[in-house]
C-alpha atoms as a PDB file:
ATOM      1  CA  UNK A   1       0.140   0.331   0.159  1.00  0.00           C
ATOM      2  CA  UNK A   2       1.197   3.553  -0.929  1.00  0.00           C
ATOM      3  CA  UNK A   3       2.486   6.107   1.935  1.00  0.00           C
ATOM      4  CA  UNK A   4       1.256   9.420   1.069  1.00  0.00           C
ATOM      5  CA  UNK A   5      -0.345  12.076   2.258  1.00  0.00           C
ATOM      6  CA  UNK A   6      -4.015  12.521   1.227  1.00  0.00           C
ATOM      7  CA  UNK A   7      -4.555  16.048  -0.970  1.00  0.00           C
ATOM      8  CA  UNK A   8      -6.952  18.563   0.316  1.00  0.00           C
ATOM      9  CA  UNK A   9     -10.636  18.345  -1.322  1.00  0.00           C
ATOM     10  CA  UNK A  10      -9.716  21.640  -3.176  1.00  0.00           C
ATOM     11  CA  UNK A  11      -6.520  19.777  -4.726  1.00  0.00           C
ATOM     12  CA  UNK A  12      -8.594  16.552  -5.560  1.00  0.00           C
ATOM     13  CA  UNK A  13     -11.222  18.713  -7.319  1.00  0.00           C
ATOM     14  CA  UNK A  14      -8.792  20.969  -9.357  1.00  0.00           C
ATOM     15  CA  UNK A  15      -7.265  17.679 -10.380  1.00  0.00           C
ATOM     16  CA  UNK A  16     -10.045  16.162 -11.476  1.00  0.00           C
ATOM     17  CA  UNK A  17     -11.972  18.882 -12.949  1.00  0.00           C
ATOM     18  CA  UNK A  18      -8.670  19.814 -15.184  1.00  0.00           C
ATOM     19  CA  UNK A  19      -9.134  19.098 -18.911  1.00  0.00           C
ATOM     20  CA  UNK A  20      -5.748  18.524 -19.189  1.00  0.00           C
ATOM     21  CA  UNK A  21      -5.296  15.765 -16.787  1.00  0.00           C
ATOM     22  CA  UNK A  22      -8.000  13.667 -18.840  1.00  0.00           C
ATOM     23  CA  UNK A  23      -6.712  11.914 -22.076  1.00  0.00           C
ATOM     24  CA  UNK A  24      -9.886  12.402 -24.929  1.00  0.00           C
ATOM     25  CA  UNK A  25     -11.849  13.015 -21.530  1.00  0.00           C
ATOM     26  CA  UNK A  26     -11.849   9.466 -21.057  1.00  0.00           C
ATOM     27  CA  UNK A  27      -8.708   8.726 -19.421  1.00  0.00           C
ATOM     28  CA  UNK A  28      -7.158   9.969 -16.183  1.00  0.00           C
ATOM     29  CA  UNK A  29      -3.707  10.826 -16.254  1.00  0.00           C
ATOM     30  CA  UNK A  30      -1.829  13.049 -13.553  1.00  0.00           C
ATOM     31  CA  UNK A  31       1.839  12.139 -12.141  1.00  0.00           C
ATOM     32  CA  UNK A  32       1.128  14.377  -9.841  1.00  0.00           C
ATOM     33  CA  UNK A  33      -1.667  12.728  -7.968  1.00  0.00           C
ATOM     34  CA  UNK A  34      -0.834   9.860  -5.809  1.00  0.00           C
ATOM     35  CA  UNK A  35      -4.039   8.235  -5.534  1.00  0.00           C
ATOM     36  CA  UNK A  36      -4.612   4.909  -7.735  1.00  0.00           C
ATOM     37  CA  UNK A  37      -8.053   5.432  -8.030  1.00  0.00           C
ATOM     38  CA  UNK A  38     -10.188   8.573  -8.146  1.00  0.00           C
ATOM     39  CA  UNK A  39     -14.338   8.676  -8.548  1.00  0.00           C
ATOM     40  CA  UNK A  40     -15.463   9.158 -12.154  1.00  0.00           C
ATOM     41  CA  UNK A  41     -17.150  12.317 -13.409  1.00  0.00           C
ATOM     42  CA  UNK A  42     -19.952  11.261 -13.167  1.00  0.00           C
ATOM     43  CA  UNK A  43     -19.638  10.291  -9.145  1.00  0.00           C
ATOM     44  CA  UNK A  44     -22.832   7.099  -9.274  1.00  0.00           C
ATOM     45  CA  UNK A  45     -20.648   5.317 -12.225  1.00  0.00           C
ATOM     46  CA  UNK A  46     -17.666   4.681  -9.644  1.00  0.00           C
ATOM     47  CA  UNK A  47     -14.094   4.662  -9.830  1.00  0.00           C
ATOM     48  CA  UNK A  48     -11.486   5.318 -12.378  1.00  0.00           C
ATOM     49  CA  UNK A  49      -7.941   4.535 -12.473  1.00  0.00           C
ATOM     50  CA  UNK A  50      -4.902   7.296 -13.126  1.00  0.00           C
ATOM     51  CA  UNK A  51      -3.022   5.867 -15.908  1.00  0.00           C
ATOM     52  CA  UNK A  52      -0.073   7.697 -14.677  1.00  0.00           C
ATOM     53  CA  UNK A  53       0.506   5.135 -11.801  1.00  0.00           C
ATOM     54  CA  UNK A  54       2.776   2.633 -12.384  1.00  0.00           C
ATOM     55  CA  UNK A  55       1.046  -0.126 -10.676  1.00  0.00           C
ATOM     56  CA  UNK A  56      -2.264   0.441 -12.183  1.00  0.00           C
ATOM     57  CA  UNK A  57      -0.216  -0.032 -15.764  1.00  0.00           C
ATOM     58  CA  UNK A  58       0.935  -3.504 -14.323  1.00  0.00           C
ATOM     59  CA  UNK A  59      -2.640  -4.429 -13.277  1.00  0.00           C
ATOM     60  CA  UNK A  60      -4.133  -3.647 -16.316  1.00  0.00           C
ATOM     61  CA  UNK A  61      -1.167  -5.329 -18.474  1.00  0.00           C
ATOM     62  CA  UNK A  62      -1.826  -8.615 -16.308  1.00  0.00           C
ATOM     63  CA  UNK A  63      -5.739  -8.735 -16.888  1.00  0.00           C
ATOM     64  CA  UNK A  64      -5.245  -7.853 -20.541  1.00  0.00           C
ATOM     65  CA  UNK A  65      -2.411 -11.022 -20.624  1.00  0.00           C
ATOM     66  CA  UNK A  66      -4.861 -13.199 -18.912  1.00  0.00           C
ATOM     67  CA  UNK A  67      -7.726 -12.412 -21.416  1.00  0.00           C
ATOM     68  CA  UNK A  68      -5.573 -13.187 -24.401  1.00  0.00           C
ATOM     69  CA  UNK A  69      -4.471 -16.419 -22.833  1.00  0.00           C
ATOM     70  CA  UNK A  70      -8.026 -17.049 -22.029  1.00  0.00           C
ATOM     71  CA  UNK A  71      -9.000 -16.498 -25.346  1.00  0.00           C
ATOM     72  CA  UNK A  72      -5.905 -18.290 -27.094  1.00  0.00           C
ATOM     73  CA  UNK A  73      -6.865 -21.501 -24.659  1.00  0.00           C
ATOM     74  CA  UNK A  74     -10.356 -21.404 -26.247  1.00  0.00           C
ATOM     75  CA  UNK A  75      -9.493 -22.339 -29.505  1.00  0.00           C
END
């Protein structure tokens, strides 16, 4: 688990609402944000990954690899 100081609510809102932190309006990428997951723009839809977090990239790559292996094994 990461050890960091939780950013203030004001800082979180600035980061989440800054269009420069959203690639194509869908992918949250903010290297300054230490959080791995943030609430989606529409809060009722759950959480979203911070793609600037190296741990998230590893997790996503492993999930994609597992799906590809399952597809290859099912043939």
